[in-house]
Amino acid sequence: MGIVQRIKSAEIVKVSFYSGISTVLKILTSFVSAKIIAVYLGPAGLGMLGQLTSFITIFLTLSTGAITNGIIKFVAEYKDDEPKQNRIIKASLQITLLCSLLCGLIISIGAKFWSNQLFSKTSYSFVFVIFGITIIFYALFSLAVAILNGLQQYKLFNLINVLASIIGLIFSVTMVVLYGIKGALISAVTYQSIVFIILLLFIKRSGWFNWQKIKSSIIERADLVGLSKFSLMAIVSTAAVPMVQIIIRNYLASNTNSETVGFYEGVNRLSLIYLSLITTTFSVYYLPKLSAATNNSELKELLLKGYKFILPLTFVMLLITYLLRNLVIKIVFAESFAPMEAYFLPQLVGDFFKIASWLLAMQMVAKARTWLFISTELIFGVLLILITWALVNQYGGVGAIYAYTINYFIYLVAMFFIFKNTLINESI
C-alpha cells in the first residue's frame, strides 16, 4: 500500500477530517462572533465577557457532575458489553440531573453575590438568574455528546457541533447588536438551551439511545466509583483554570487598566479558537483510544502517531498565525486592539508547549490517575499565578503571557519525566 493510501486509510486522518470540518466552521463562527464583540463592546466589554465565561465554565462542568471524560472512557471501554454501557449511561444521567438542578439553585439564589464578585456591581444579577434556570439543558446536551464521543460516532458528533455553531453564532451576534453588553452576557448563558433543542431532534431521529434498556439497567457501586474518579479530576481542572484566569484578570485590572485586561482576554480567546482543531482531536480520537489501550506497545504507538501528526500541524498553524498577526487583529478584533500585537509571540510559543505536554498528560485522564492529575493541576495553577504576579510588575500586561509560556514549558518537562518511567514499564 502506497504512502498516500496509508494516509487516507489512517483512522486519525479520518477523525481529524470530520473534526476539522466541524472545527473550521467553529473557528469561522468564533471569528465573526469575536469581531462583532470587539466592535460593539471594545476591550473593556471583552474583559467583562471573559469573566463571565470563566464562571460559566466552572458551573457547566459541575452541572454534569464533571463526569463527561469518564463517560467517554467507559462507553469506549465497554464497546463490546452493552449492559455495562447502559449502566454507565443510566448512572451518568441520574448524576447529571441531580447536579444540574443543584447548580441552578446555587446560581439563581446567589445571583447578586455572583454579579458583585465578577463585575463589582449587582445590576447584572438577572444574567445569573437566567443561567440558573437554563443550566440543566446544557448539562443534558453535554452528557449526550459525551456518549456519542465514547461510541465513536464521529460523523454525528461533528454534525451536531456544526449546527450548534451556526445557530449559536446567529443568536449571539443578534443579541450583541441589539442589546450590547447585556445581550452578550445573556447569549453567553442561554446558548446551551438553543443547542439542546438541536440535540432533541437528533435523539428522536437517530435512535442511538435505547431508553427501555437504559431504564431497566441496575446501577452498581463500581459504576459510581469509576465515574467519581473522573469527576474529581474534571472538577479540579475545570475549576482551577477559570479561577486562575479570574485571579489574573483581577490582578491585571488592579495593576494596569481595563484595556489591558481586554488584550489579555483577546489573545487567550484567539488561542482557544485556533487550538480547537487540535484539542478536538484529543477529546474525540485520543481519549477513547488511550482509554482502550491495554499495553505499552499500543500506548507508545498512539503517542508516537500523535507527535508525528499533531505537532507539525500545530507548528505550521502557529507560524501562519504569527506571520498574519496584524491582519488577524484587524479582521478578528478592531483597531483599538492594536497593542495586542506584542502578546502574540509569547502566546504562540506557550501554545506549542501546551499541545506538546497535553499529548502526554492525556494519559492521566485516560487511565484515571486521579491524584497525579489533581496535584499537577493545582501545582501549576498556583505557579502560573505566582509567575504572573512577578512578571506583570516588571513587564506590564504582556508579562501575563510570558508567565503562561514559562509555566507550560515547565509543565512539559514535568510530564516528560513523569511518563518516561511509565512507558518503560511492562504494563500500564
Protein backbone atom coordinates (compact mmCIF):
# COMPACT_ATOMS: atom_id res chain seq x y z
CA MET A 1 0.00 0.00 0.00
CA GLY A 2 1.44 3.38 -1.02
CA ILE A 3 2.01 6.20 1.41
CA VAL A 4 -0.94 8.21 0.06
CA GLN A 5 -3.28 5.25 0.52
CA ARG A 6 -1.95 4.64 4.04
CA ILE A 7 -2.56 8.25 4.96
CA LYS A 8 -6.09 8.17 3.54
CA SER A 9 -6.91 4.96 5.40
CA ALA A 10 -5.44 6.08 8.73
CA GLU A 11 -8.21 6.45 11.30
CA ILE A 12 -6.64 9.52 12.89
CA VAL A 13 -6.77 11.27 9.49
CA LYS A 14 -10.44 10.34 9.04
CA VAL A 15 -11.30 11.53 12.53
CA SER A 16 -9.29 14.71 12.05
CA PHE A 17 -11.04 15.30 8.72
CA TYR A 18 -14.52 15.14 10.25
CA SER A 19 -13.38 17.07 13.31
CA GLY A 20 -11.57 19.50 11.05
CA ILE A 21 -14.69 20.40 9.09
CA SER A 22 -16.58 20.99 12.32
CA THR A 23 -13.72 22.90 13.91
CA VAL A 24 -13.00 25.11 10.88
CA LEU A 25 -16.64 26.14 10.93
CA LYS A 26 -16.36 26.76 14.68
CA ILE A 27 -13.30 28.90 14.03
CA LEU A 28 -15.09 30.91 11.37
CA THR A 29 -18.13 31.44 13.58
CA SER A 30 -15.88 32.31 16.52
CA PHE A 31 -14.02 34.85 14.36
CA VAL A 32 -17.28 36.51 13.35
CA SER A 33 -18.52 36.50 16.94
CA ALA A 34 -15.23 37.90 18.27
CA LYS A 35 -15.27 40.64 15.61
CA ILE A 36 -18.81 41.72 16.49
CA ILE A 37 -17.99 41.72 20.21
CA ALA A 38 -14.78 43.69 19.65
CA VAL A 39 -16.52 46.32 17.53
CA TYR A 40 -19.60 46.73 19.73
CA LEU A 41 -18.07 46.21 23.19
CA GLY A 42 -14.37 47.12 22.87
CA PRO A 43 -11.53 45.77 25.09
CA ALA A 44 -13.33 46.59 28.36
CA GLY A 45 -16.51 44.76 27.29
CA LEU A 46 -14.50 41.76 26.12
CA GLY A 47 -12.84 41.64 29.53
CA MET A 48 -16.27 41.52 31.23
CA LEU A 49 -17.40 38.73 28.92
CA GLY A 50 -14.20 36.85 29.73
CA GLN A 51 -15.00 36.97 33.45
CA LEU A 52 -18.49 35.59 32.85
CA THR A 53 -17.16 32.90 30.51
CA SER A 54 -14.80 31.61 33.20
CA PHE A 55 -17.68 31.50 35.69
CA ILE A 56 -19.86 29.65 33.17
CA THR A 57 -17.12 27.11 32.50
CA ILE A 58 -16.88 26.21 36.19
CA PHE A 59 -20.60 25.70 36.71
CA LEU A 60 -21.26 23.98 33.40
CA THR A 61 -18.72 21.34 34.39
CA LEU A 62 -20.19 20.98 37.87
CA SER A 63 -23.68 20.66 36.34
CA THR A 64 -22.75 17.28 34.81
CA GLY A 65 -21.06 16.11 37.98
CA ALA A 66 -17.85 16.62 35.98
CA ILE A 67 -18.12 13.08 34.61
CA THR A 68 -18.04 13.65 30.84
CA ASN A 69 -14.48 12.31 30.41
CA GLY A 70 -15.45 9.30 32.50
CA ILE A 71 -18.45 8.68 30.25
CA ILE A 72 -16.24 8.82 27.15
CA LYS A 73 -13.76 6.39 28.71
CA PHE A 74 -16.24 3.79 29.96
CA VAL A 75 -18.55 3.87 26.94
CA ALA A 76 -15.48 3.33 24.73
CA GLU A 77 -14.04 0.69 27.07
CA TYR A 78 -17.34 -1.27 27.21
CA LYS A 79 -17.96 -1.11 23.47
CA ASP A 80 -18.50 -4.90 23.38
CA ASP A 81 -20.58 -5.03 26.57
CA GLU A 82 -23.94 -3.30 26.06
CA PRO A 83 -25.31 -3.99 29.60
CA LYS A 84 -22.31 -2.24 31.17
CA GLN A 85 -22.66 0.66 28.73
CA ASN A 86 -26.33 1.05 29.67
CA ARG A 87 -25.48 1.02 33.40
CA ILE A 88 -22.92 3.79 32.88
CA ILE A 89 -25.39 5.87 30.84
CA LYS A 90 -28.14 5.48 33.46
CA ALA A 91 -25.78 6.39 36.32
CA SER A 92 -24.46 9.42 34.45
CA LEU A 93 -27.99 10.60 33.63
CA GLN A 94 -29.03 10.48 37.28
CA ILE A 95 -25.85 12.29 38.39
CA THR A 96 -26.32 14.96 35.72
CA LEU A 97 -29.95 15.68 36.61
CA LEU A 98 -29.14 15.99 40.33
CA CYS A 99 -26.04 18.15 39.87
CA SER A 100 -27.58 20.48 37.28
CA LEU A 101 -30.60 21.18 39.48
CA LEU A 102 -28.35 21.85 42.48
CA CYS A 103 -26.09 24.17 40.46
CA GLY A 104 -29.12 26.00 39.09
CA LEU A 105 -30.33 26.73 42.62
CA ILE A 106 -26.91 27.93 43.80
CA ILE A 107 -26.52 30.27 40.83
CA SER A 108 -30.05 31.71 41.00
CA ILE A 109 -30.16 32.22 44.77
CA GLY A 110 -26.72 33.83 44.80
CA ALA A 111 -27.30 35.96 41.70
CA LYS A 112 -26.49 39.32 43.35
CA PHE A 113 -23.40 37.88 45.03
CA TRP A 114 -22.03 36.46 41.77
CA SER A 115 -22.73 39.70 39.89
CA ASN A 116 -20.88 41.72 42.52
CA GLN A 117 -17.91 39.32 42.59
CA LEU A 118 -17.41 39.29 38.82
CA PHE A 119 -18.45 42.81 37.81
CA SER A 120 -18.24 44.78 41.09
CA LYS A 121 -21.94 45.67 40.73
CA THR A 122 -25.26 43.88 41.28
CA SER A 123 -27.02 45.31 38.24
CA TYR A 124 -26.22 42.19 36.19
CA SER A 125 -27.77 39.74 38.67
CA PHE A 126 -30.57 38.94 36.17
CA VAL A 127 -27.96 37.23 33.97
CA PHE A 128 -27.23 34.71 36.73
CA VAL A 129 -30.92 34.05 37.37
CA ILE A 130 -31.34 33.18 33.68
CA PHE A 131 -28.24 31.00 33.79
CA GLY A 132 -29.51 29.12 36.84
CA ILE A 133 -32.81 28.32 35.12
CA THR A 134 -31.28 27.11 31.83
CA ILE A 135 -28.16 25.26 33.01
CA ILE A 136 -29.93 21.88 33.05
CA PHE A 137 -30.28 22.00 29.26
CA TYR A 138 -26.54 22.39 28.74
CA ALA A 139 -25.83 19.57 31.20
CA LEU A 140 -28.05 17.13 29.27
CA PHE A 141 -26.53 18.22 25.96
CA SER A 142 -23.01 17.73 27.30
CA LEU A 143 -23.92 14.27 28.61
CA ALA A 144 -25.38 13.12 25.27
CA VAL A 145 -22.41 14.43 23.27
CA ALA A 146 -20.01 12.60 25.62
CA ILE A 147 -21.89 9.35 25.00
CA LEU A 148 -21.66 9.93 21.23
CA ASN A 149 -17.93 10.52 21.61
CA GLY A 150 -17.48 7.29 23.54
CA LEU A 151 -19.44 5.38 20.90
CA GLN A 152 -17.04 6.92 18.33
CA GLN A 153 -19.93 8.23 16.23
CA TYR A 154 -17.66 10.84 14.69
CA LYS A 155 -19.89 11.98 11.83
CA LEU A 156 -22.95 12.52 14.01
CA PHE A 157 -20.86 14.09 16.76
CA ASN A 158 -19.42 16.67 14.40
CA LEU A 159 -22.70 17.30 12.57
CA ILE A 160 -24.36 18.27 15.85
CA ASN A 161 -21.46 20.59 16.66
CA VAL A 162 -21.65 22.21 13.22
CA LEU A 163 -25.35 23.01 13.58
CA ALA A 164 -24.80 24.20 17.14
CA SER A 165 -22.06 26.58 16.00
CA ILE A 166 -24.17 28.12 13.25
CA ILE A 167 -27.28 28.63 15.39
CA GLY A 168 -25.19 29.82 18.33
CA LEU A 169 -23.46 32.42 16.15
CA ILE A 170 -26.73 33.80 14.80
CA PHE A 171 -28.19 34.06 18.29
CA SER A 172 -25.08 35.61 19.90
CA VAL A 173 -24.50 38.21 17.18
CA THR A 174 -28.16 39.21 17.20
CA MET A 175 -28.13 39.71 20.97
CA VAL A 176 -24.90 41.75 20.92
CA VAL A 177 -26.07 44.01 18.08
CA LEU A 178 -29.49 44.62 19.63
CA TYR A 179 -28.64 44.84 23.33
CA GLY A 180 -24.88 45.46 23.61
CA ILE A 181 -23.09 44.14 26.70
CA LYS A 182 -26.35 42.88 28.26
CA GLY A 183 -27.13 40.93 25.10
CA ALA A 184 -23.62 39.45 25.06
CA LEU A 185 -23.94 38.29 28.66
CA ILE A 186 -27.42 36.85 28.15
CA SER A 187 -26.40 34.98 25.00
CA ALA A 188 -23.40 33.50 26.82
CA VAL A 189 -25.64 31.88 29.45
CA THR A 190 -28.56 30.84 27.20
CA TYR A 191 -26.71 29.47 24.17
CA GLN A 192 -26.83 25.95 25.68
CA SER A 193 -30.65 25.98 25.68
CA ILE A 194 -30.77 26.51 21.92
CA VAL A 195 -28.21 23.76 21.37
CA PHE A 196 -30.30 21.39 23.47
CA ILE A 197 -33.23 21.78 21.06
CA ILE A 198 -30.95 20.57 18.24
CA LEU A 199 -29.97 17.59 20.35
CA LEU A 200 -33.59 16.55 20.99
CA LEU A 201 -34.26 16.46 17.25
CA PHE A 202 -31.26 14.21 16.63
CA ILE A 203 -32.15 11.87 19.50
CA LYS A 204 -35.64 11.43 18.09
CA ARG A 205 -34.40 10.64 14.57
CA SER A 206 -31.18 8.69 15.18
CA GLY A 207 -32.37 6.11 17.72
CA TRP A 208 -28.93 5.67 19.28
CA PHE A 209 -30.50 5.75 22.77
CA ASN A 210 -32.41 2.60 23.76
CA TRP A 211 -34.28 4.15 26.66
CA GLN A 212 -36.01 0.92 27.69
CA LYS A 213 -32.73 -0.95 28.16
CA ILE A 214 -31.11 2.01 29.91
CA LYS A 215 -34.09 2.43 32.25
CA SER A 216 -34.11 -1.27 33.20
CA SER A 217 -30.38 -1.32 33.99
CA ILE A 218 -29.35 -1.70 37.62
CA ILE A 219 -26.55 0.67 38.63
CA GLU A 220 -23.66 -0.94 40.52
CA ARG A 221 -21.43 0.72 43.11
CA ALA A 222 -18.39 0.19 40.86
CA ASP A 223 -20.01 2.36 38.17
CA LEU A 224 -20.35 5.30 40.57
CA VAL A 225 -16.84 4.82 41.95
CA GLY A 226 -15.37 4.76 38.44
CA LEU A 227 -17.20 7.91 37.39
CA SER A 228 -16.29 9.68 40.64
CA LYS A 229 -12.57 9.46 39.82
CA PHE A 230 -13.14 11.43 36.64
CA SER A 231 -15.45 13.77 38.50
CA LEU A 232 -12.67 14.75 40.89
CA MET A 233 -10.21 15.31 38.03
CA ALA A 234 -12.62 17.38 35.96
CA ILE A 235 -13.81 19.48 38.92
CA VAL A 236 -10.24 20.40 39.85
CA SER A 237 -9.22 21.04 36.23
CA THR A 238 -12.29 22.99 35.18
CA ALA A 239 -12.46 24.98 38.39
CA ALA A 240 -8.72 25.64 38.60
CA VAL A 241 -8.19 27.06 35.09
CA PRO A 242 -11.07 29.59 35.12
CA MET A 243 -10.30 30.57 38.74
CA VAL A 244 -6.67 31.18 37.83
CA GLN A 245 -7.80 33.32 34.87
CA ILE A 246 -10.21 35.29 37.05
CA ILE A 247 -7.42 35.98 39.56
CA ILE A 248 -5.06 37.04 36.77
CA ARG A 249 -7.66 39.33 35.17
CA ASN A 250 -8.43 40.94 38.53
CA TYR A 251 -4.71 41.45 39.12
CA LEU A 252 -4.28 42.99 35.67
CA ALA A 253 -7.28 45.27 36.28
CA SER A 254 -5.83 46.43 39.61
CA ASN A 255 -2.27 46.93 38.37
CA THR A 256 -2.80 48.05 34.75
CA ASN A 257 -6.19 49.02 33.23
CA SER A 258 -9.37 47.56 31.73
CA GLU A 259 -7.97 47.78 28.19
CA THR A 260 -5.03 45.56 29.15
CA VAL A 261 -7.48 43.01 30.55
CA GLY A 262 -9.21 43.11 27.16
CA PHE A 263 -5.90 42.49 25.33
CA TYR A 264 -5.17 39.54 27.63
CA GLU A 265 -8.65 38.13 27.07
CA GLY A 266 -8.42 38.76 23.32
CA VAL A 267 -5.22 36.80 22.78
CA ASN A 268 -6.48 33.98 25.01
CA ARG A 269 -9.78 33.83 23.14
CA LEU A 270 -7.91 33.75 19.82
CA SER A 271 -5.72 30.94 21.16
CA LEU A 272 -8.79 28.89 22.09
CA ILE A 273 -10.18 29.38 18.59
CA TYR A 274 -7.19 28.18 16.56
CA LEU A 275 -6.18 25.42 19.01
CA SER A 276 -9.70 23.97 18.99
CA LEU A 277 -8.79 21.93 15.89
CA ILE A 278 -6.07 20.17 17.88
CA THR A 279 -7.91 19.82 21.18
CA THR A 280 -10.99 18.42 19.41
CA THR A 281 -8.83 15.63 18.00
CA PHE A 282 -7.57 14.98 21.55
CA SER A 283 -11.03 14.52 23.01
CA VAL A 284 -12.68 12.82 20.04
CA TYR A 285 -9.85 10.49 18.99
CA TYR A 286 -7.15 10.19 21.64
CA LEU A 287 -9.15 9.88 24.85
CA PRO A 288 -11.21 6.85 23.71
CA LYS A 289 -8.11 5.24 22.15
CA LEU A 290 -5.89 5.80 25.19
CA SER A 291 -8.69 4.52 27.44
CA ALA A 292 -8.95 1.30 25.44
CA ALA A 293 -5.17 0.70 25.31
CA THR A 294 -4.19 -2.39 27.32
CA ASN A 295 -0.41 -2.49 26.94
CA ASN A 296 2.55 -0.19 26.48
CA SER A 297 3.09 -1.04 22.82
CA GLU A 298 -0.39 0.31 22.00
CA LEU A 299 0.20 3.35 24.16
CA LYS A 300 3.58 4.11 22.59
CA GLU A 301 2.14 3.75 19.11
CA LEU A 302 -0.67 6.19 19.88
CA LEU A 303 1.71 8.76 21.38
CA LEU A 304 4.17 8.44 18.50
CA LYS A 305 1.37 8.83 15.98
CA GLY A 306 0.18 11.90 17.85
CA TYR A 307 3.57 13.60 17.89
CA LYS A 308 4.17 12.86 14.21
CA PHE A 309 0.79 14.17 13.12
CA ILE A 310 -0.24 16.83 15.65
CA LEU A 311 2.99 18.69 16.50
CA PRO A 312 3.93 19.56 12.87
CA LEU A 313 0.32 20.66 12.24
CA THR A 314 0.44 22.80 15.40
CA PHE A 315 3.75 24.40 14.41
CA VAL A 316 2.54 25.34 10.93
CA MET A 317 -0.72 26.73 12.28
CA LEU A 318 1.06 28.84 14.91
CA LEU A 319 3.64 30.11 12.41
CA ILE A 320 0.91 31.24 9.99
CA THR A 321 -0.92 32.95 12.85
CA TYR A 322 2.22 34.85 13.86
CA LEU A 323 3.04 35.97 10.32
CA LEU A 324 -0.53 37.23 9.86
CA ARG A 325 -0.88 38.66 13.40
CA ASN A 326 -1.55 42.26 12.38
CA LEU A 327 -4.09 41.20 9.78
CA VAL A 328 -5.72 38.88 12.33
CA ILE A 329 -6.09 41.75 14.80
CA LYS A 330 -7.75 43.94 12.16
CA ILE A 331 -10.05 41.19 10.89
CA VAL A 332 -10.98 39.46 14.15
CA PHE A 333 -10.88 42.42 16.53
CA ALA A 334 -10.60 46.16 15.86
CA GLU A 335 -8.05 48.99 15.63
CA SER A 336 -8.31 49.55 19.39
CA PHE A 337 -6.74 46.11 19.89
CA ALA A 338 -3.52 47.02 18.00
CA PRO A 339 -1.31 46.91 21.18
CA MET A 340 -2.21 43.21 21.45
CA GLU A 341 0.36 42.51 18.70
CA ALA A 342 3.09 42.33 21.37
CA TYR A 343 1.25 39.46 23.05
CA PHE A 344 1.31 37.11 20.04
CA LEU A 345 4.82 35.60 20.05
CA PRO A 346 4.93 34.51 23.70
CA GLN A 347 1.33 33.24 23.47
CA LEU A 348 2.07 31.13 20.39
CA VAL A 349 5.22 29.64 21.93
CA GLY A 350 3.24 28.82 25.05
CA ASP A 351 0.52 27.19 22.93
CA PHE A 352 3.11 24.91 21.32
CA PHE A 353 4.37 23.81 24.74
CA LYS A 354 0.76 23.28 25.84
CA ILE A 355 -0.09 20.91 22.96
CA ALA A 356 3.20 19.01 23.33
CA SER A 357 2.55 18.49 27.05
CA TRP A 358 -1.11 17.55 26.62
CA LEU A 359 -0.22 14.58 24.39
CA LEU A 360 1.48 13.06 27.45
CA ALA A 361 -0.89 14.45 30.08
CA MET A 362 -3.95 12.86 28.45
CA GLN A 363 -2.76 9.55 29.92
CA MET A 364 -3.69 10.79 33.39
CA VAL A 365 -7.31 11.18 32.29
CA ALA A 366 -7.47 8.04 30.15
CA LYS A 367 -6.00 5.83 32.88
CA ALA A 368 -7.80 7.57 35.76
CA ARG A 369 -4.61 8.60 37.58
CA THR A 370 -6.71 10.85 39.75
CA TRP A 371 -4.35 12.16 42.40
CA LEU A 372 -1.47 12.72 39.99
CA PHE A 373 -3.79 14.75 37.76
CA ILE A 374 -5.22 16.80 40.65
CA SER A 375 -1.82 17.55 42.18
CA THR A 376 -0.27 18.69 38.88
CA GLU A 377 -3.28 20.89 38.05
CA LEU A 378 -3.15 22.63 41.44
CA ILE A 379 0.64 22.99 41.49
CA PHE A 380 0.86 24.51 38.03
CA GLY A 381 -2.21 26.69 38.58
CA VAL A 382 -0.61 28.26 41.65
CA LEU A 383 2.73 28.50 39.85
CA LEU A 384 1.11 30.39 36.96
CA ILE A 385 -0.40 32.93 39.37
CA LEU A 386 2.92 33.48 41.15
CA ILE A 387 4.90 33.87 37.91
CA THR A 388 2.22 36.22 36.54
CA TRP A 389 2.37 38.46 39.62
CA ALA A 390 6.15 38.69 39.29
CA LEU A 391 6.25 39.37 35.54
CA VAL A 392 3.28 41.77 35.33
CA ASN A 393 5.05 44.01 37.83
CA GLN A 394 8.09 44.02 35.57
CA TYR A 395 6.64 43.92 32.04
CA GLY A 396 3.02 45.04 32.37
CA GLY A 397 0.17 43.15 30.70
CA VAL A 398 2.41 41.13 28.36
CA GLY A 399 4.07 39.72 31.48
CA ALA A 400 0.96 37.56 31.99
CA ILE A 401 1.62 35.95 28.60
CA TYR A 402 5.31 35.44 29.42
CA ALA A 403 4.17 33.66 32.58
CA TYR A 404 1.85 31.42 30.54
CA THR A 405 4.71 30.35 28.27
CA ILE A 406 7.15 29.68 31.10
CA ASN A 407 4.54 27.73 33.05
CA TYR A 408 3.71 25.41 30.15
CA PHE A 409 7.38 24.80 29.39
CA ILE A 410 7.91 23.65 32.98
CA TYR A 411 4.71 21.55 32.71
CA LEU A 412 6.01 19.86 29.53
CA VAL A 413 9.29 18.96 31.25
CA ALA A 414 7.35 17.59 34.24
CA MET A 415 5.10 15.44 32.01
CA PHE A 416 8.15 14.04 30.22
CA PHE A 417 9.78 12.90 33.46
CA ILE A 418 6.52 11.59 34.94
CA PHE A 419 5.65 9.40 31.94
CA LYS A 420 9.19 8.43 30.97
CA ASN A 421 9.13 5.66 33.55
CA THR A 422 5.54 4.71 32.72
CA LEU A 423 6.47 4.00 29.11
CA ILE A 424 9.36 1.76 30.17
CA ASN A 425 7.21 -0.44 32.44
CA GLU A 426 5.81 -3.68 31.05
CA SER A 427 2.19 -2.82 31.81
CA ILE A 428 0.09 0.30 32.16
